[in-house]
Amino acid sequence: MSSEFQIWEVKTPYLNLHCGLGEGPYYEPATQTVRFVDIKNKKLHTVSINDPADLVTLSFDEPVTVTADIAGVDPKDKILIGAKQGLAVLDRKTGEYEYISKMEGEGVDRIRSNDGAVDPQGRFWMGSMTDFGKGDFRPEGSLLRFTQTSPPQLALTSLTIPNSVGWSPDQRTMYFTHSNAREVLAWDYDPSPSPSSVVTLSNKRIFYQHVGSGEPDGFRVDVEGNIWHAVYGESRVLKLSPEGKLIGEVRLPTRNITCVEFVGEELFITTAGDDGAAEGEESKVNGGALFRVNVGVRGVGHDLFRL
């Protein structure tokens, strides 16, 4: 590595709930909180960025995998969620949710939603994959595009672990991670307003090919165009340049790093439990915890879903 390679080390968690599969951190500036899901344990946690003891948890009958804010709606009241069967709106006061668009097709009972994000036009892109308890993960998942007014549209098929979706600061590049292929793909993207059914993607390419024992999981993009990418199984978050070069990493005291979120110049980092570690081992003790670290740069803000 060159002398310019940046390294951050995080030694202790901000909050340790021992999540089975912590994922999807999302910052709410108005409430100074970060919300994140535990997919395996079917929970949504919301924690203050000022006091880890200030915590609210909602529990569900189905896995909730990702969240987003809705244009014109106070997130203290309602938010968008990816749930087992598709896209839904969650009432945070009652804990009840209503589907606005469900996944369709043969074998849909075998799959669940995974990670996703809102695009510049207010549509939600979300992956689907084999649900827990349905055997080995198979290439039966997809990358889907959701709107409030039409059934989900297929963007990519025959995927095993579709993961994060994001856009460059100028919104002219779309990124997507296919975890088990260890690839971050990129397309040229047209950010201009268009009908909800129209998406202009071109020049598909591999932006980053991971080499290592782990798999790239969730990511966020910073205002300088770098991608901060969690790696499941390698105890680290990668900092990738806008050209797809590895230029830094955040090192953490547990193996299974799942996703990141910017809060000002800090990264909040979710993780999953480490079932393969021995009792008392550092990775076991810290598995499923939420971490934070100052990385000296801000993230690109979230777009809002148009309901």
Protein backbone atom coordinates (compact mmCIF):
# COMPACT_ATOMS: atom_id res chain seq x y z
CA MET A 1 0.00 0.00 0.00
CA SER A 2 1.19 3.57 -0.63
CA SER A 3 1.98 6.00 2.18
CA GLU A 4 -1.37 7.70 1.38
CA PHE A 5 -3.38 4.61 2.32
CA GLN A 6 -5.66 5.66 5.18
CA ILE A 7 -6.41 3.48 8.20
CA TRP A 8 -8.92 4.01 11.00
CA GLU A 9 -9.23 1.60 13.92
CA VAL A 10 -12.31 1.18 16.07
CA LYS A 11 -11.84 -0.66 19.34
CA THR A 12 -15.20 -0.54 21.11
CA PRO A 13 -18.89 -0.47 20.09
CA TYR A 14 -21.16 2.53 20.46
CA LEU A 15 -24.06 0.17 21.18
CA ASN A 16 -23.98 -3.61 21.45
CA LEU A 17 -27.35 -5.30 21.06
CA HIS A 18 -25.78 -8.50 19.70
CA CYS A 19 -27.92 -8.29 16.56
CA GLY A 20 -28.21 -11.50 14.59
CA LEU A 21 -27.90 -9.48 11.38
CA GLY A 22 -27.66 -5.75 11.96
CA GLU A 23 -28.19 -3.86 8.70
CA GLY A 24 -29.51 -0.74 6.98
CA PRO A 25 -28.34 2.16 9.20
CA TYR A 26 -30.16 5.40 8.32
CA TYR A 27 -29.64 8.81 9.91
CA GLU A 28 -32.56 11.04 10.93
CA PRO A 29 -31.17 14.60 11.35
CA ALA A 30 -34.36 16.04 12.85
CA THR A 31 -34.33 13.59 15.75
CA GLN A 32 -30.55 13.10 15.98
CA THR A 33 -31.05 9.35 15.76
CA VAL A 34 -29.84 6.43 13.68
CA ARG A 35 -32.25 3.63 12.90
CA PHE A 36 -31.13 0.17 11.81
CA VAL A 37 -32.66 -3.27 11.43
CA ASP A 38 -31.88 -6.72 12.78
CA ILE A 39 -33.07 -8.88 9.90
CA LYS A 40 -32.73 -12.24 11.63
CA ASN A 41 -34.49 -11.12 14.80
CA LYS A 42 -37.14 -9.08 12.94
CA LYS A 43 -36.51 -5.79 14.74
CA LEU A 44 -36.08 -2.10 14.00
CA HIS A 45 -33.87 -0.19 16.44
CA THR A 46 -33.65 3.60 16.74
CA VAL A 47 -30.84 5.05 18.86
CA SER A 48 -29.82 8.59 19.76
CA ILE A 49 -26.44 9.68 18.40
CA ASN A 50 -25.89 11.47 21.72
CA ASP A 51 -26.79 8.71 24.17
CA PRO A 52 -26.72 4.98 23.37
CA ALA A 53 -29.09 4.31 26.26
CA ASP A 54 -31.78 6.32 24.43
CA LEU A 55 -33.06 3.40 22.39
CA VAL A 56 -36.46 2.45 20.92
CA THR A 57 -37.11 -1.00 19.41
CA LEU A 58 -40.01 -2.25 17.31
CA SER A 59 -40.55 -5.99 16.75
CA PHE A 60 -42.30 -7.61 13.78
CA ASP A 61 -43.66 -10.96 12.62
CA GLU A 62 -41.67 -10.76 9.36
CA PRO A 63 -38.11 -9.65 8.63
CA VAL A 64 -37.68 -5.93 7.93
CA THR A 65 -34.52 -5.35 5.91
CA VAL A 66 -34.14 -1.69 4.93
CA THR A 67 -35.79 1.70 5.50
CA ALA A 68 -36.13 5.08 3.78
CA ASP A 69 -37.86 8.40 4.35
CA ILE A 70 -40.95 9.46 2.38
CA ALA A 71 -41.34 12.86 0.72
CA GLY A 72 -43.76 15.07 2.64
CA VAL A 73 -44.07 12.64 5.57
CA ASP A 74 -42.54 13.18 9.02
CA PRO A 75 -40.28 10.15 9.66
CA LYS A 76 -41.25 10.27 13.32
CA ASP A 77 -44.69 9.16 12.13
CA LYS A 78 -44.16 6.94 9.09
CA ILE A 79 -41.27 5.55 7.02
CA LEU A 80 -40.82 3.23 4.07
CA ILE A 81 -39.61 -0.30 4.82
CA GLY A 82 -38.54 -3.32 2.86
CA ALA A 83 -40.30 -6.31 4.42
CA LYS A 84 -40.64 -10.01 3.67
CA GLN A 85 -43.12 -9.60 0.81
CA GLY A 86 -42.09 -6.28 -0.70
CA LEU A 87 -42.33 -2.57 0.02
CA ALA A 88 -44.48 -1.21 2.86
CA VAL A 89 -45.21 1.91 4.90
CA LEU A 90 -44.60 1.58 8.63
CA ASP A 91 -46.55 3.54 11.23
CA ARG A 92 -43.87 3.99 13.90
CA LYS A 93 -46.37 4.85 16.61
CA THR A 94 -48.42 1.66 16.27
CA GLY A 95 -45.74 -0.63 14.86
CA GLU A 96 -48.14 -1.69 12.10
CA TYR A 97 -47.27 -1.60 8.40
CA GLU A 98 -49.17 -1.80 5.13
CA TYR A 99 -47.76 -3.11 1.86
CA ILE A 100 -47.87 -0.75 -1.10
CA SER A 101 -46.18 -3.14 -3.54
CA LYS A 102 -45.52 -6.86 -3.25
CA MET A 103 -43.05 -9.06 -5.07
CA GLU A 104 -44.60 -11.41 -7.59
CA GLY A 105 -43.81 -14.59 -9.51
CA GLU A 106 -43.17 -18.27 -9.02
CA GLY A 107 -41.42 -19.17 -5.77
CA VAL A 108 -42.07 -15.78 -4.20
CA ASP A 109 -42.74 -17.48 -0.84
CA ARG A 110 -39.07 -18.54 -0.77
CA ILE A 111 -37.64 -15.05 -1.00
CA ARG A 112 -37.47 -11.87 1.06
CA SER A 113 -36.35 -8.31 0.49
CA ASN A 114 -32.77 -7.24 1.19
CA ASP A 115 -30.95 -3.91 0.90
CA GLY A 116 -32.03 -0.98 -1.28
CA ALA A 117 -32.21 2.79 -1.75
CA VAL A 118 -34.27 5.59 -3.27
CA ASP A 119 -33.10 6.97 -6.62
CA PRO A 120 -33.01 10.66 -7.67
CA GLN A 121 -36.50 10.34 -9.18
CA GLY A 122 -38.01 9.04 -5.93
CA ARG A 123 -38.29 5.34 -6.88
CA PHE A 124 -37.05 2.57 -4.59
CA TRP A 125 -34.55 -0.01 -5.81
CA MET A 126 -34.39 -3.17 -3.69
CA GLY A 127 -32.90 -6.61 -3.95
CA SER A 128 -34.66 -9.89 -3.22
CA MET A 129 -32.99 -13.13 -2.15
CA THR A 130 -33.58 -16.54 -0.57
CA ASP A 131 -35.13 -16.15 2.86
CA PHE A 132 -33.66 -17.68 6.00
CA GLY A 133 -34.96 -21.15 6.69
CA LYS A 134 -35.34 -21.98 2.98
CA GLY A 135 -32.06 -23.84 2.57
CA ASP A 136 -28.89 -22.65 0.86
CA PHE A 137 -29.01 -19.28 -0.86
CA ARG A 138 -29.82 -19.78 -4.55
CA PRO A 139 -29.56 -17.52 -7.62
CA GLU A 140 -33.31 -16.83 -7.41
CA GLY A 141 -33.12 -13.18 -6.35
CA SER A 142 -33.53 -9.98 -8.34
CA LEU A 143 -32.89 -6.27 -8.29
CA LEU A 144 -36.31 -4.63 -8.41
CA ARG A 145 -37.52 -1.09 -8.94
CA PHE A 146 -40.59 -0.04 -6.96
CA THR A 147 -43.01 2.85 -7.33
CA GLN A 148 -46.24 3.49 -5.48
CA THR A 149 -48.36 3.21 -8.61
CA SER A 150 -47.14 0.09 -10.41
CA PRO A 151 -45.96 -3.47 -9.70
CA PRO A 152 -42.21 -3.90 -9.09
CA GLN A 153 -40.14 -3.96 -12.27
CA LEU A 154 -37.18 -6.29 -12.80
CA ALA A 155 -33.82 -4.64 -13.37
CA LEU A 156 -31.56 -7.69 -12.85
CA THR A 157 -32.40 -11.36 -12.29
CA SER A 158 -30.73 -14.64 -11.25
CA LEU A 159 -28.96 -12.98 -8.33
CA THR A 160 -27.96 -14.73 -5.11
CA ILE A 161 -27.18 -11.89 -2.68
CA PRO A 162 -28.13 -8.52 -4.19
CA ASN A 163 -27.05 -5.76 -1.87
CA SER A 164 -26.59 -1.98 -1.68
CA VAL A 165 -27.60 0.48 -4.38
CA GLY A 166 -26.27 4.05 -4.56
CA TRP A 167 -25.44 7.01 -6.77
CA SER A 168 -22.43 9.26 -7.29
CA PRO A 169 -22.61 12.86 -5.99
CA ASP A 170 -23.54 14.16 -9.48
CA GLN A 171 -26.14 11.35 -9.79
CA ARG A 172 -24.69 10.30 -13.14
CA THR A 173 -23.38 6.91 -11.97
CA MET A 174 -25.41 4.17 -10.31
CA TYR A 175 -23.65 1.51 -8.22
CA PHE A 176 -24.90 -1.92 -7.18
CA THR A 177 -23.22 -4.66 -5.16
CA HIS A 178 -23.71 -8.35 -5.91
CA SER A 179 -22.15 -9.78 -2.77
CA ASN A 180 -21.48 -13.42 -3.58
CA ALA A 181 -19.93 -12.44 -6.94
CA ARG A 182 -17.75 -9.98 -4.95
CA GLU A 183 -18.58 -7.29 -7.52
CA VAL A 184 -19.61 -3.68 -7.36
CA LEU A 185 -21.22 -2.86 -10.70
CA ALA A 186 -21.65 0.60 -12.19
CA TRP A 187 -23.80 2.12 -14.93
CA ASP A 188 -24.07 5.54 -16.49
CA TYR A 189 -27.32 6.96 -15.11
CA ASP A 190 -29.57 9.75 -16.38
CA PRO A 191 -30.75 11.78 -13.35
CA SER A 192 -33.18 13.97 -15.28
CA PRO A 193 -36.87 13.79 -14.33
CA SER A 194 -38.70 11.05 -16.17
CA PRO A 195 -41.89 9.00 -15.95
CA SER A 196 -41.77 6.44 -13.16
CA SER A 197 -41.53 3.60 -15.67
CA VAL A 198 -38.51 5.03 -17.51
CA VAL A 199 -34.93 4.38 -16.38
CA THR A 200 -31.91 5.15 -18.51
CA LEU A 201 -28.96 2.90 -17.66
CA SER A 202 -26.00 2.32 -19.97
CA ASN A 203 -22.34 1.33 -20.06
CA LYS A 204 -22.55 -1.48 -17.50
CA ARG A 205 -19.14 -2.26 -16.02
CA ILE A 206 -17.39 -3.76 -13.01
CA PHE A 207 -16.44 -0.81 -10.82
CA TYR A 208 -14.68 -2.92 -8.17
CA GLN A 209 -13.82 -6.63 -7.98
CA HIS A 210 -13.10 -7.74 -4.44
CA VAL A 211 -10.29 -10.19 -3.78
CA GLY A 212 -10.37 -11.77 -0.35
CA SER A 213 -12.16 -14.24 1.87
CA GLY A 214 -15.06 -11.90 2.64
CA GLU A 215 -17.87 -10.46 0.54
CA PRO A 216 -18.71 -6.80 -0.04
CA ASP A 217 -21.98 -6.01 1.72
CA GLY A 218 -23.53 -2.54 2.17
CA PHE A 219 -22.11 0.87 1.22
CA ARG A 220 -22.59 4.63 1.21
CA VAL A 221 -21.08 7.31 -1.04
CA ASP A 222 -19.35 10.43 0.30
CA VAL A 223 -19.46 13.96 -1.16
CA GLU A 224 -16.05 13.43 -2.79
CA GLY A 225 -17.34 10.39 -4.70
CA ASN A 226 -15.62 7.72 -2.61
CA ILE A 227 -17.54 4.56 -1.71
CA TRP A 228 -17.32 3.31 1.87
CA HIS A 229 -18.01 -0.41 1.59
CA ALA A 230 -18.56 -2.88 4.42
CA VAL A 231 -16.99 -6.31 3.92
CA TYR A 232 -18.70 -9.28 5.53
CA GLY A 233 -16.12 -11.68 6.95
CA GLU A 234 -13.06 -9.41 6.95
CA SER A 235 -13.51 -7.03 9.93
CA ARG A 236 -13.28 -3.92 7.79
CA VAL A 237 -14.90 -1.17 5.77
CA LEU A 238 -13.15 -0.28 2.50
CA LYS A 239 -12.70 3.24 1.20
CA LEU A 240 -12.84 3.06 -2.61
CA SER A 241 -11.92 6.03 -4.78
CA PRO A 242 -14.25 7.28 -7.55
CA GLU A 243 -12.03 5.23 -9.90
CA GLY A 244 -12.63 2.02 -7.90
CA LYS A 245 -9.22 1.89 -6.23
CA LEU A 246 -8.77 0.81 -2.61
CA ILE A 247 -7.39 3.88 -0.79
CA GLY A 248 -8.24 3.21 2.86
CA GLU A 249 -9.99 1.02 5.38
CA VAL A 250 -11.71 1.10 8.76
CA ARG A 251 -10.71 -1.84 10.96
CA LEU A 252 -13.20 -3.23 13.48
CA PRO A 253 -13.11 -5.79 16.32
CA THR A 254 -15.58 -8.23 14.79
CA ARG A 255 -15.65 -10.12 11.49
CA ASN A 256 -19.04 -9.61 9.90
CA ILE A 257 -19.38 -5.97 8.85
CA THR A 258 -22.65 -5.29 7.07
CA CYS A 259 -23.32 -1.62 6.24
CA VAL A 260 -22.43 2.00 6.99
CA GLU A 261 -24.16 5.37 7.31
CA PHE A 262 -22.85 8.92 7.46
CA VAL A 263 -23.73 11.16 10.40
CA GLY A 264 -21.86 14.36 9.67
CA GLU A 265 -18.24 13.24 9.25
CA GLU A 266 -18.78 10.06 11.25
CA LEU A 267 -19.51 6.59 9.92
CA PHE A 268 -21.99 4.51 11.88
CA ILE A 269 -21.34 0.84 11.12
CA THR A 270 -23.64 -2.16 11.58
CA THR A 271 -22.43 -5.73 12.04
CA ALA A 272 -23.76 -9.27 12.34
CA GLY A 273 -23.19 -11.98 14.91
CA ASP A 274 -20.18 -14.25 14.48
CA ASP A 275 -21.49 -17.76 15.05
CA GLY A 276 -18.17 -19.27 14.02
CA ALA A 277 -16.19 -17.59 16.77
CA ALA A 278 -15.54 -19.18 20.15
CA GLU A 279 -17.23 -17.88 23.28
CA GLY A 280 -15.24 -14.96 24.65
CA GLU A 281 -13.43 -14.32 21.38
CA GLU A 282 -13.35 -10.64 20.43
CA SER A 283 -15.34 -11.15 17.23
CA LYS A 284 -18.03 -13.07 19.15
CA VAL A 285 -18.28 -10.46 21.91
CA ASN A 286 -18.62 -7.57 19.44
CA GLY A 287 -20.65 -9.33 16.77
CA GLY A 288 -23.95 -7.58 16.04
CA ALA A 289 -22.80 -4.28 17.58
CA LEU A 290 -23.11 -0.74 16.21
CA PHE A 291 -19.86 1.21 15.84
CA ARG A 292 -18.96 4.82 15.02
CA VAL A 293 -15.79 6.52 13.78
CA ASN A 294 -14.86 9.96 12.44
CA VAL A 295 -13.55 9.66 8.88
CA GLY A 296 -13.30 13.37 8.07
CA VAL A 297 -15.78 13.56 5.18
CA ARG A 298 -19.55 13.85 4.81
CA GLY A 299 -21.85 11.52 2.94
CA VAL A 300 -24.23 12.16 0.08
CA GLY A 301 -27.73 12.71 1.45
CA HIS A 302 -30.64 10.34 0.94
CA ASP A 303 -33.31 10.87 -1.69
CA LEU A 304 -36.93 10.61 -0.58
CA PHE A 305 -39.48 8.08 -1.80
CA ARG A 306 -42.41 9.61 -3.65
CA LEU A 307 -45.53 8.01 -2.31
